[in-house]
Amino acid sequence: MRSVVRSVSLALAAAAIAGAVLGCGGEPAARVAASPQWCPAVTGHAVDCGVLQRPLVTGQPDLGTIDVSYALVRHSNGAVPAAGTITPNPGGPGVPMISHAAEAAALSQAMLDDHDLLLIDPRGTGLSSPLECGADNRDYQVGTREQQVRAAERCGQELGAKVAGYTSAATVDDFDAVRERLEIPKLVLYGISYGTYLMPIYAQRHPEHVQSMILTGAYPADFDRLQRPNAEAVSLTLQRICERSRACDGDTAVADLRVTAERLRAQPITVPGEQPILLTEGMLGNLVFEAATSNVGAQPDSMTPLGTLPAALRASVRGDDGPLREFVTATTSEPGYENIDAYIAVTCNDYAPLWSATADRPQREQQYRDALATAPGGLGAFSAAGFGAAQRDGGDSCIGWPALANHQRPDQMTEPMPDVPVLVLSGDLDAITPDANGKRAAARFPHATFLSVPNTGHVPDMEPSGCVTGIVAEFVRTGAAPSSTCVANIPPIAVTPVTN
């Protein structure tokens, strides 16, 4: 689940979290000379970098190798050994880590006095042999559903047998190989969005090397294939922002969304721009549940696309699509930060589809239609088909993807989770990884603490008061359930008043 538009990139977190910044110097000359040229400098910290060569597919040397690059940001208090090594993954899949060293250090600043920070570019991204299979990020972000399906199918065809190299299991095995090279006994796993899907796989495959886990913007490997909790969360989010702001009526906003989705199902509209966007029910659903609930709470006093949505829907129902077109432009103006080829490959390999992987294309299409028919009343404010088309990493997006022989998807893994402290955070305005999915993710662990953070979206770490990052820092240091009283002071987001 999650692209960078919907899963926050650490590049976006920099605007909300003060802390260390990427510099051009500050490292001892000998250490810089010994590291690759691309090794980042982080003010106040020594940084060690390297590259590890790994098989693309284990047991198939004919398919070649892949480079896995890493940067180890050392803790500032060199007089004592590191209390632990924090290993973040910022989501996607397909988001690199090393190029966001400054933002990662800022996010972890409260812990970097006594903890190291290990940044690894997942295979196929950044400095780890970036994957190229012909997909275009912008086209995949705002193109039609047919374009997305064709892009995924072409990517699979382009990769051929190499498609087997791009799985979450292969990525976490790379992480463990880096850990072993650096002789780090245990890792503090910090997963954000897709990282909350990835890091539990590491915990299952390498349980003896896990110290603790933070999962923020979380969802489980066995998430609902129709993504019903996400559709329901859209309605709940509209109701919450209206109730808390008193700028609109939540029930009316949900009803307006249903009417607008139904109209666009029959009569899509075009939103002009450098790349015109065809606003279908599926595209509206994608922008409402994915883009609109990302980064919410980062700047509570500033108007966000989510805050404008109730008024835009009300105007649309009254015959004025101007505000709705403005909403579309606002939610598609930010470019994606992920490698879209890696995003497609990992999600199509690992996320459970609504058809049998061994079925041929006509059979898959029939099985998909049959699955949608199990939700005759639709999904939230959307039709089943409309919300299926809203999911860039679900629905029928991967229907042309080649079957991967003998592949155990993460939802099929049965290995137990390690008995380590786990903190799971969800934003209560997040429809990408809503509270229901966060609670389900927490339930997989013997000792997990779940916290819903009010007035924040995907992901709650973005809120600027320092409350959430303080909670994370306390948890990392103690391994115990932290005090969370500060979340009650996180203010509601701004909402455009709706006039009746």
Protein backbone atom coordinates (compact mmCIF):
# COMPACT_ATOMS: atom_id res chain seq x y z
CA MET A 1 0.00 0.00 0.00
CA ARG A 2 1.72 2.68 -0.48
CA SER A 3 3.08 5.16 -2.86
CA VAL A 4 4.83 8.25 -1.68
CA VAL A 5 1.84 10.40 -2.51
CA ARG A 6 0.00 8.29 0.04
CA SER A 7 2.87 7.17 2.23
CA VAL A 8 4.89 10.06 3.37
CA SER A 9 8.36 10.34 2.01
CA LEU A 10 10.93 11.48 4.51
CA ALA A 11 11.66 14.21 1.99
CA LEU A 12 8.33 15.75 2.95
CA ALA A 13 8.94 15.29 6.66
CA ALA A 14 11.76 17.82 6.55
CA ALA A 15 9.29 20.68 6.28
CA ALA A 16 7.65 19.66 9.52
CA ILE A 17 10.47 18.38 11.71
CA ALA A 18 13.39 20.54 12.73
CA GLY A 19 16.76 18.90 13.32
CA ALA A 20 19.92 17.89 11.57
CA VAL A 21 20.47 19.05 8.02
CA LEU A 22 22.50 17.63 5.20
CA GLY A 23 25.82 19.40 4.90
CA CYS A 24 28.81 19.49 2.64
CA GLY A 25 31.36 18.79 5.34
CA GLY A 26 31.85 17.97 8.97
CA GLU A 27 33.39 14.52 8.47
CA PRO A 28 36.99 13.59 9.25
CA ALA A 29 39.01 13.68 6.02
CA ALA A 30 40.12 10.07 6.35
CA ARG A 31 36.55 8.83 6.79
CA VAL A 32 35.31 10.78 3.75
CA ALA A 33 38.18 9.45 1.63
CA ALA A 34 37.35 5.88 2.64
CA SER A 35 33.67 6.21 1.75
CA PRO A 36 32.00 6.32 -1.67
CA GLN A 37 31.70 9.74 -3.28
CA TRP A 38 27.95 9.70 -2.78
CA CYS A 39 28.21 9.22 1.00
CA PRO A 40 26.08 11.94 2.65
CA ALA A 41 27.38 14.31 5.30
CA VAL A 42 25.11 14.84 8.31
CA THR A 43 26.04 17.73 10.55
CA GLY A 44 27.44 16.58 13.89
CA HIS A 45 27.78 12.94 12.92
CA ALA A 46 30.34 10.65 11.34
CA VAL A 47 28.88 8.66 8.43
CA ASP A 48 30.21 5.34 7.11
CA CYS A 49 29.00 4.18 3.69
CA GLY A 50 29.43 1.11 1.57
CA VAL A 51 28.01 -1.16 -1.12
CA LEU A 52 27.21 -4.84 -0.77
CA GLN A 53 26.79 -7.05 -3.81
CA ARG A 54 23.88 -9.48 -3.57
CA PRO A 55 22.36 -12.08 -5.90
CA LEU A 56 19.34 -10.76 -7.76
CA VAL A 57 17.62 -14.09 -7.16
CA THR A 58 19.10 -16.51 -4.64
CA GLY A 59 20.12 -19.77 -6.29
CA GLN A 60 19.98 -18.34 -9.82
CA PRO A 61 23.43 -16.83 -10.52
CA ASP A 62 22.64 -16.58 -14.23
CA LEU A 63 20.26 -13.69 -13.41
CA GLY A 64 23.13 -11.59 -12.11
CA THR A 65 23.68 -9.50 -9.01
CA ILE A 66 22.42 -6.29 -7.50
CA ASP A 67 24.19 -3.57 -5.51
CA VAL A 68 22.81 -2.68 -2.08
CA SER A 69 24.07 0.66 -0.77
CA TYR A 70 24.01 1.82 2.83
CA ALA A 71 25.00 4.75 5.06
CA LEU A 72 25.56 4.35 8.80
CA VAL A 73 25.11 7.63 10.68
CA ARG A 74 27.04 7.30 13.94
CA HIS A 75 25.64 8.53 17.25
CA SER A 76 27.05 11.83 18.46
CA ASN A 77 28.21 10.71 21.90
CA GLY A 78 31.22 8.68 20.85
CA ALA A 79 32.35 8.24 24.45
CA VAL A 80 29.86 5.39 24.90
CA PRO A 81 28.82 2.49 22.65
CA ALA A 82 25.61 2.88 20.68
CA ALA A 83 22.52 1.87 22.64
CA GLY A 84 21.04 0.54 19.41
CA THR A 85 20.84 0.98 15.65
CA ILE A 86 17.66 2.48 14.19
CA THR A 87 16.88 1.23 10.68
CA PRO A 88 14.09 3.18 8.97
CA ASN A 89 12.19 2.45 5.77
CA PRO A 90 10.13 5.37 4.45
CA GLY A 91 7.57 3.48 2.41
CA GLY A 92 6.59 3.21 -1.18
CA PRO A 93 7.66 0.59 -2.03
CA GLY A 94 10.31 2.15 -4.20
CA VAL A 95 11.41 5.05 -1.98
CA PRO A 96 15.19 5.43 -1.49
CA MET A 97 16.62 6.19 1.92
CA ILE A 98 20.17 7.53 1.58
CA SER A 99 19.22 10.64 -0.40
CA HIS A 100 16.94 11.55 2.53
CA ALA A 101 19.70 11.26 5.14
CA ALA A 102 19.06 14.79 6.42
CA GLU A 103 15.36 14.21 6.91
CA ALA A 104 15.94 10.78 8.48
CA ALA A 105 18.38 12.34 10.93
CA ALA A 106 15.86 15.10 11.68
CA LEU A 107 13.13 12.55 12.33
CA SER A 108 15.46 10.61 14.65
CA GLN A 109 17.29 13.60 16.17
CA ALA A 110 16.04 12.95 19.70
CA MET A 111 17.64 9.50 19.56
CA LEU A 112 20.91 10.16 17.71
CA ASP A 113 22.88 11.12 20.82
CA ASP A 114 23.11 7.44 21.77
CA HIS A 115 21.70 5.52 18.77
CA ASP A 116 23.19 4.93 15.34
CA LEU A 117 21.03 5.33 12.22
CA LEU A 118 21.38 2.76 9.43
CA LEU A 119 20.05 3.95 6.05
CA ILE A 120 19.69 1.34 3.31
CA ASP A 121 18.38 1.93 -0.19
CA PRO A 122 16.10 -1.05 -0.91
CA ARG A 123 17.02 -3.01 -4.02
CA GLY A 124 15.77 -1.34 -7.17
CA THR A 125 15.82 2.16 -5.65
CA GLY A 126 18.24 5.06 -5.24
CA LEU A 127 21.83 3.84 -5.10
CA SER A 128 20.86 0.15 -5.01
CA SER A 129 20.75 -0.72 -8.73
CA PRO A 130 17.61 1.31 -9.54
CA LEU A 131 15.09 -0.70 -11.49
CA GLU A 132 14.02 0.36 -14.97
CA CYS A 133 11.20 -1.46 -16.71
CA GLY A 134 9.65 1.34 -18.74
CA ALA A 135 6.96 2.77 -16.45
CA ASP A 136 6.58 6.54 -16.12
CA ASN A 137 5.97 7.93 -12.64
CA ARG A 138 3.69 10.80 -13.68
CA ASP A 139 1.68 8.68 -16.11
CA TYR A 140 1.16 6.06 -13.42
CA GLN A 141 0.15 8.72 -10.91
CA VAL A 142 -2.49 10.51 -12.97
CA GLY A 143 -3.09 8.24 -15.97
CA THR A 144 -6.22 6.25 -16.62
CA ARG A 145 -6.76 2.82 -15.09
CA GLU A 146 -6.11 1.24 -18.47
CA GLN A 147 -2.73 3.00 -18.65
CA GLN A 148 -1.79 1.75 -15.20
CA VAL A 149 -2.73 -1.84 -16.03
CA ARG A 150 -0.75 -1.71 -19.28
CA ALA A 151 2.28 -0.19 -17.53
CA ALA A 152 2.40 -3.01 -14.99
CA GLU A 153 1.96 -5.65 -17.69
CA ARG A 154 4.78 -4.16 -19.80
CA CYS A 155 7.04 -3.97 -16.75
CA GLY A 156 6.55 -7.66 -16.03
CA GLN A 157 7.24 -8.55 -19.63
CA GLU A 158 10.37 -6.40 -19.70
CA LEU A 159 11.76 -8.02 -16.55
CA GLY A 160 11.11 -11.60 -17.63
CA ALA A 161 12.75 -14.05 -15.21
CA LYS A 162 14.28 -11.15 -13.26
CA VAL A 163 10.83 -10.31 -11.91
CA ALA A 164 11.56 -12.79 -9.09
CA GLY A 165 14.27 -10.50 -7.72
CA TYR A 166 11.88 -7.77 -6.55
CA THR A 167 10.13 -8.99 -3.44
CA SER A 168 9.92 -7.78 0.14
CA ALA A 169 11.60 -10.97 1.34
CA ALA A 170 14.62 -10.32 -0.88
CA THR A 171 14.79 -6.75 0.41
CA VAL A 172 14.82 -7.72 4.09
CA ASP A 173 17.47 -10.36 3.39
CA ASP A 174 19.57 -7.55 1.88
CA PHE A 175 19.04 -5.53 5.07
CA ASP A 176 20.22 -8.44 7.17
CA ALA A 177 23.30 -8.92 4.99
CA VAL A 178 24.21 -5.26 5.61
CA ARG A 179 23.61 -5.73 9.35
CA GLU A 180 25.91 -8.76 9.33
CA ARG A 181 28.67 -6.92 7.44
CA LEU A 182 28.56 -4.10 9.98
CA GLU A 183 28.50 -6.59 12.89
CA ILE A 184 25.38 -5.06 14.41
CA PRO A 185 23.74 -7.61 16.73
CA LYS A 186 20.18 -6.22 16.67
CA LEU A 187 18.19 -3.54 14.84
CA VAL A 188 15.51 -1.12 15.95
CA LEU A 189 13.16 -1.39 12.96
CA TYR A 190 11.32 1.85 12.10
CA GLY A 191 8.77 1.26 9.37
CA ILE A 192 6.69 3.99 7.78
CA SER A 193 3.70 3.04 5.58
CA TYR A 194 4.98 0.25 3.28
CA GLY A 195 7.83 0.02 5.77
CA THR A 196 5.25 -1.31 8.28
CA TYR A 197 4.59 -4.15 5.83
CA LEU A 198 8.29 -4.71 5.13
CA MET A 199 9.74 -4.66 8.65
CA PRO A 200 7.52 -7.44 10.05
CA ILE A 201 8.81 -9.63 7.21
CA TYR A 202 12.33 -8.93 8.47
CA ALA A 203 11.12 -9.83 11.98
CA GLN A 204 9.77 -13.16 10.75
CA ARG A 205 12.84 -14.07 8.70
CA HIS A 206 15.47 -12.76 11.12
CA PRO A 207 13.80 -12.66 14.57
CA GLU A 208 17.02 -12.99 16.55
CA HIS A 209 18.27 -9.66 15.18
CA VAL A 210 15.29 -7.48 16.20
CA GLN A 211 15.59 -5.22 19.26
CA SER A 212 12.25 -3.42 18.93
CA MET A 213 9.91 -2.06 16.26
CA ILE A 214 8.07 1.17 15.47
CA LEU A 215 5.35 0.91 12.82
CA THR A 216 3.76 4.20 11.83
CA GLY A 217 0.97 4.40 9.28
CA ALA A 218 0.63 0.64 9.66
CA TYR A 219 -1.19 -2.15 7.88
CA PRO A 220 -0.84 -5.95 8.07
CA ALA A 221 0.31 -8.37 5.38
CA ASP A 222 -3.17 -9.91 5.28
CA PHE A 223 -5.00 -6.63 4.64
CA ASP A 224 -8.49 -6.78 3.20
CA ARG A 225 -8.15 -7.43 -0.55
CA LEU A 226 -11.10 -5.17 -1.38
CA GLN A 227 -9.70 -2.54 1.03
CA ARG A 228 -13.04 -2.03 2.74
CA PRO A 229 -11.48 -0.42 5.84
CA ASN A 230 -9.93 2.24 3.60
CA ALA A 231 -13.21 3.06 1.88
CA GLU A 232 -14.98 3.26 5.23
CA ALA A 233 -12.20 5.47 6.61
CA VAL A 234 -12.84 8.05 3.88
CA SER A 235 -16.34 8.61 5.22
CA LEU A 236 -15.13 8.60 8.81
CA THR A 237 -12.42 11.16 8.01
CA LEU A 238 -14.93 13.53 6.42
CA GLN A 239 -17.19 13.21 9.44
CA ARG A 240 -14.32 13.85 11.86
CA ILE A 241 -12.98 16.97 10.17
CA CYS A 242 -16.47 18.44 9.89
CA GLU A 243 -17.35 17.70 13.51
CA ARG A 244 -14.08 19.04 14.90
CA SER A 245 -13.92 22.17 12.75
CA ARG A 246 -17.67 22.87 12.87
CA ALA A 247 -17.23 24.14 9.33
CA CYS A 248 -19.45 21.52 7.69
CA ASP A 249 -21.82 18.63 8.30
CA GLY A 250 -20.12 15.24 8.08
CA ASP A 251 -23.16 13.29 6.91
CA THR A 252 -23.77 15.83 4.16
CA ALA A 253 -20.13 15.64 3.05
CA VAL A 254 -20.32 11.83 2.79
CA ALA A 255 -23.61 12.04 0.89
CA ASP A 256 -22.10 14.63 -1.49
CA LEU A 257 -19.12 12.33 -2.09
CA ARG A 258 -21.47 9.46 -2.95
CA VAL A 259 -23.47 11.62 -5.40
CA THR A 260 -20.30 12.98 -7.02
CA ALA A 261 -18.76 9.52 -7.38
CA GLU A 262 -21.96 8.20 -8.97
CA ARG A 263 -22.03 11.08 -11.46
CA LEU A 264 -18.38 10.64 -12.43
CA ARG A 265 -18.98 6.92 -12.90
CA ALA A 266 -21.29 7.79 -15.77
CA GLN A 267 -19.83 11.12 -16.90
CA PRO A 268 -16.15 11.74 -16.11
CA ILE A 269 -14.87 15.30 -16.38
CA THR A 270 -11.53 16.57 -17.63
CA VAL A 271 -9.27 18.67 -15.44
CA PRO A 272 -7.06 20.81 -17.70
CA GLY A 273 -3.34 21.25 -17.20
CA GLU A 274 0.02 20.43 -18.70
CA GLN A 275 -1.14 16.83 -18.52
CA PRO A 276 -4.97 16.81 -18.51
CA ILE A 277 -6.52 14.45 -15.99
CA LEU A 278 -9.66 12.45 -16.65
CA LEU A 279 -11.56 12.56 -13.38
CA THR A 280 -13.41 9.27 -13.14
CA GLU A 281 -14.94 7.72 -10.04
CA GLY A 282 -11.74 5.71 -9.62
CA MET A 283 -9.47 8.74 -9.95
CA LEU A 284 -11.60 10.70 -7.47
CA GLY A 285 -11.45 7.77 -5.06
CA ASN A 286 -7.68 7.59 -5.39
CA LEU A 287 -7.18 11.29 -4.73
CA VAL A 288 -9.63 11.35 -1.83
CA PHE A 289 -8.35 8.37 0.11
CA GLU A 290 -4.71 8.46 -0.96
CA ALA A 291 -3.39 11.93 -1.75
CA ALA A 292 -5.82 13.95 0.37
CA THR A 293 -5.05 12.16 3.65
CA SER A 294 -1.26 12.24 3.18
CA ASN A 295 0.71 14.76 5.25
CA VAL A 296 -2.44 15.95 7.04
CA GLY A 297 -1.52 17.57 10.35
CA ALA A 298 1.94 18.67 9.26
CA GLN A 299 0.80 22.32 9.16
CA PRO A 300 -2.48 22.44 11.09
CA ASP A 301 -3.13 26.14 10.41
CA SER A 302 -2.65 25.86 6.65
CA MET A 303 -5.43 24.78 4.36
CA THR A 304 -4.93 21.30 2.89
CA PRO A 305 -6.74 19.61 0.00
CA LEU A 306 -8.58 17.48 2.57
CA GLY A 307 -9.78 20.64 4.29
CA THR A 308 -11.22 21.97 1.04
CA LEU A 309 -12.94 18.72 0.09
CA PRO A 310 -16.34 19.09 1.83
CA ALA A 311 -16.89 22.52 0.24
CA ALA A 312 -15.71 21.28 -3.16
CA LEU A 313 -18.13 18.34 -3.03
CA ARG A 314 -21.01 20.58 -1.97
CA ALA A 315 -20.31 22.93 -4.88
CA SER A 316 -20.07 20.01 -7.30
CA VAL A 317 -23.45 18.65 -6.22
CA ARG A 318 -24.86 22.12 -6.86
CA GLY A 319 -23.47 22.14 -10.39
CA ASP A 320 -20.15 23.95 -9.93
CA ASP A 321 -17.13 21.69 -10.56
CA GLY A 322 -14.61 24.51 -10.28
CA PRO A 323 -13.59 23.80 -6.64
CA LEU A 324 -13.46 20.07 -7.40
CA ARG A 325 -11.06 20.71 -10.29
CA GLU A 326 -8.95 22.83 -7.93
CA PHE A 327 -8.91 19.91 -5.47
CA VAL A 328 -7.67 17.59 -8.23
CA THR A 329 -4.92 20.00 -9.25
CA ALA A 330 -3.79 20.44 -5.62
CA THR A 331 -3.62 16.70 -4.95
CA THR A 332 -1.67 15.92 -8.12
CA SER A 333 0.81 18.80 -8.08
CA GLU A 334 3.46 16.97 -6.02
CA PRO A 335 5.58 14.50 -7.99
CA GLY A 336 6.01 10.98 -6.68
CA TYR A 337 9.33 10.27 -5.00
CA GLU A 338 9.34 6.52 -5.44
CA ASN A 339 10.91 4.50 -8.22
CA ILE A 340 7.63 3.57 -9.86
CA ASP A 341 9.13 0.50 -11.55
CA ALA A 342 10.18 -0.93 -8.17
CA TYR A 343 6.79 0.06 -6.74
CA ILE A 344 4.99 -1.92 -9.42
CA ALA A 345 7.27 -4.95 -9.19
CA VAL A 346 7.09 -5.33 -5.41
CA THR A 347 3.36 -4.69 -5.06
CA CYS A 348 2.46 -6.97 -7.95
CA ASN A 349 4.69 -9.73 -6.58
CA ASP A 350 3.70 -9.43 -2.92
CA TYR A 351 0.21 -8.01 -2.41
CA ALA A 352 -2.55 -10.63 -2.43
CA PRO A 353 -4.67 -10.25 -5.60
CA LEU A 354 -8.35 -10.92 -6.11
CA TRP A 355 -7.63 -13.76 -8.56
CA SER A 356 -5.51 -16.88 -8.75
CA ALA A 357 -1.96 -16.14 -9.92
CA THR A 358 -2.01 -19.34 -12.00
CA ALA A 359 -5.16 -18.30 -13.91
CA ASP A 360 -4.94 -16.96 -17.45
CA ARG A 361 -5.99 -13.40 -18.27
CA PRO A 362 -9.69 -14.08 -19.06
CA GLN A 363 -9.99 -16.19 -15.92
CA ARG A 364 -8.38 -13.49 -13.82
CA GLU A 365 -10.77 -10.88 -15.17
CA GLN A 366 -13.78 -13.08 -14.34
CA GLN A 367 -12.44 -13.81 -10.85
CA TYR A 368 -11.95 -10.09 -10.31
CA ARG A 369 -15.53 -9.33 -11.36
CA ASP A 370 -16.75 -12.09 -9.05
CA ALA A 371 -14.81 -10.59 -6.13
CA LEU A 372 -16.33 -7.15 -6.72
CA ALA A 373 -19.77 -8.73 -6.76
CA THR A 374 -19.30 -9.75 -3.12
CA ALA A 375 -19.71 -6.06 -2.21
CA PRO A 376 -23.06 -5.32 -3.90
CA GLY A 377 -23.68 -2.22 -1.81
CA GLY A 378 -20.37 -0.71 -2.81
CA LEU A 379 -17.44 0.32 -0.64
CA GLY A 380 -18.13 3.34 1.54
CA ALA A 381 -19.28 6.16 -0.74
CA PHE A 382 -17.99 4.38 -3.86
CA SER A 383 -19.08 1.51 -6.05
CA ALA A 384 -16.99 -1.65 -5.68
CA ALA A 385 -15.57 -1.21 -9.19
CA GLY A 386 -14.90 2.48 -8.60
CA PHE A 387 -12.95 1.92 -5.40
CA GLY A 388 -11.13 -1.00 -7.00
CA ALA A 389 -9.93 1.38 -9.69
CA ALA A 390 -8.91 3.88 -7.00
CA GLN A 391 -6.15 1.57 -5.75
CA ARG A 392 -2.86 1.96 -7.61
CA ASP A 393 -1.51 -1.08 -5.78
CA GLY A 394 -4.74 -3.07 -5.67
CA GLY A 395 -7.93 -3.66 -7.55
CA ASP A 396 -7.02 -4.91 -11.02
CA SER A 397 -3.77 -2.91 -11.38
CA CYS A 398 -1.64 -6.09 -11.50
CA ILE A 399 -4.04 -8.25 -13.47
CA GLY A 400 -1.52 -8.65 -16.32
CA TRP A 401 1.46 -9.35 -14.04
CA PRO A 402 3.24 -12.68 -14.64
CA ALA A 403 2.79 -15.44 -12.07
CA LEU A 404 5.86 -15.92 -9.88
CA ALA A 405 6.55 -19.64 -9.45
CA ASN A 406 6.99 -20.96 -5.90
CA HIS A 407 6.66 -17.48 -4.40
CA GLN A 408 5.41 -17.26 -0.82
CA ARG A 409 3.62 -13.96 -0.45
CA PRO A 410 3.99 -12.19 2.91
CA ASP A 411 0.34 -12.87 3.78
CA GLN A 412 1.10 -16.60 3.40
CA MET A 413 4.02 -16.59 5.86
CA THR A 414 3.33 -18.47 9.09
CA GLU A 415 6.57 -17.87 11.01
CA PRO A 416 5.85 -16.32 14.44
CA MET A 417 6.76 -12.76 15.24
CA PRO A 418 9.53 -12.22 17.79
CA ASP A 419 8.52 -11.29 21.33
CA VAL A 420 9.94 -7.76 21.28
CA PRO A 421 8.47 -4.35 22.15
CA VAL A 422 6.39 -2.92 19.29
CA LEU A 423 4.80 0.52 18.96
CA VAL A 424 2.11 0.99 16.29
CA LEU A 425 0.91 4.49 15.37
CA SER A 426 -2.01 5.54 13.16
CA GLY A 427 -3.39 8.95 12.27
CA ASP A 428 -7.13 9.06 12.85
CA LEU A 429 -7.65 11.04 9.60
CA ASP A 430 -5.66 8.52 7.56
CA ALA A 431 -7.65 6.56 4.97
CA ILE A 432 -4.53 4.93 3.48
CA THR A 433 -3.59 2.99 6.61
CA PRO A 434 -6.58 3.64 8.87
CA ASP A 435 -6.94 2.79 12.55
CA ALA A 436 -8.60 -0.53 11.72
CA ASN A 437 -5.52 -1.67 9.80
CA GLY A 438 -3.16 -0.35 12.47
CA LYS A 439 -4.96 -2.35 15.16
CA ARG A 440 -4.79 -5.45 12.96
CA ALA A 441 -1.05 -4.90 12.43
CA ALA A 442 -0.50 -4.54 16.19
CA ALA A 443 -2.44 -7.73 16.91
CA ARG A 444 0.21 -9.78 15.11
CA PHE A 445 2.73 -9.19 17.92
CA PRO A 446 2.77 -10.62 21.46
CA HIS A 447 3.55 -7.25 23.06
CA ALA A 448 2.42 -4.27 21.00
CA THR A 449 1.12 -0.85 21.96
CA PHE A 450 -1.33 0.79 19.53
CA LEU A 451 -1.90 4.54 19.51
CA SER A 452 -4.33 6.49 17.32
CA VAL A 453 -3.13 10.08 16.94
CA PRO A 454 -6.00 12.56 16.46
CA ASN A 455 -6.06 15.18 13.71
CA THR A 456 -3.23 13.59 11.74
CA GLY A 457 -3.22 11.70 8.49
CA HIS A 458 -0.68 9.48 6.80
CA VAL A 459 1.64 9.42 8.78
CA PRO A 460 1.28 10.93 12.29
CA ASP A 461 5.03 11.59 12.69
CA MET A 462 4.43 14.64 10.49
CA GLU A 463 2.72 16.70 13.20
CA PRO A 464 5.04 19.59 14.14
CA SER A 465 4.70 19.84 17.93
CA GLY A 466 7.20 17.06 18.60
CA CYS A 467 4.61 15.05 20.50
CA VAL A 468 4.75 11.99 18.24
CA THR A 469 8.51 12.03 17.69
CA GLY A 470 8.88 12.35 21.46
CA ILE A 471 6.66 9.31 21.97
CA VAL A 472 8.80 7.36 19.51
CA ALA A 473 12.04 8.44 21.20
CA GLU A 474 10.75 7.44 24.64
CA PHE A 475 9.68 4.05 23.31
CA VAL A 476 13.04 3.41 21.61
CA ARG A 477 14.92 4.17 24.82
CA THR A 478 12.69 2.29 27.26
CA GLY A 479 10.91 -0.39 25.22
CA ALA A 480 7.84 0.36 27.33
CA ALA A 481 4.48 1.87 26.43
CA PRO A 482 5.21 5.63 26.40
CA SER A 483 3.09 8.42 27.81
CA SER A 484 0.74 9.69 25.11
CA THR A 485 -1.16 12.46 26.90
CA CYS A 486 0.30 15.08 24.55
CA VAL A 487 -1.75 13.82 21.58
CA ALA A 488 -4.83 15.44 23.12
CA ASN A 489 -3.28 18.83 22.35
CA ILE A 490 -2.84 18.23 18.61
CA PRO A 491 -5.22 20.76 17.00
CA PRO A 492 -7.88 20.05 14.39
CA ILE A 493 -7.02 20.83 10.78
CA ALA A 494 -8.37 23.87 8.96
CA VAL A 495 -11.54 23.23 6.92
CA THR A 496 -13.19 25.52 4.38
CA PRO A 497 -16.64 26.52 5.70
CA VAL A 498 -19.52 25.06 3.75
CA THR A 499 -22.44 27.38 3.17
CA ASN A 500 -25.87 25.85 2.78
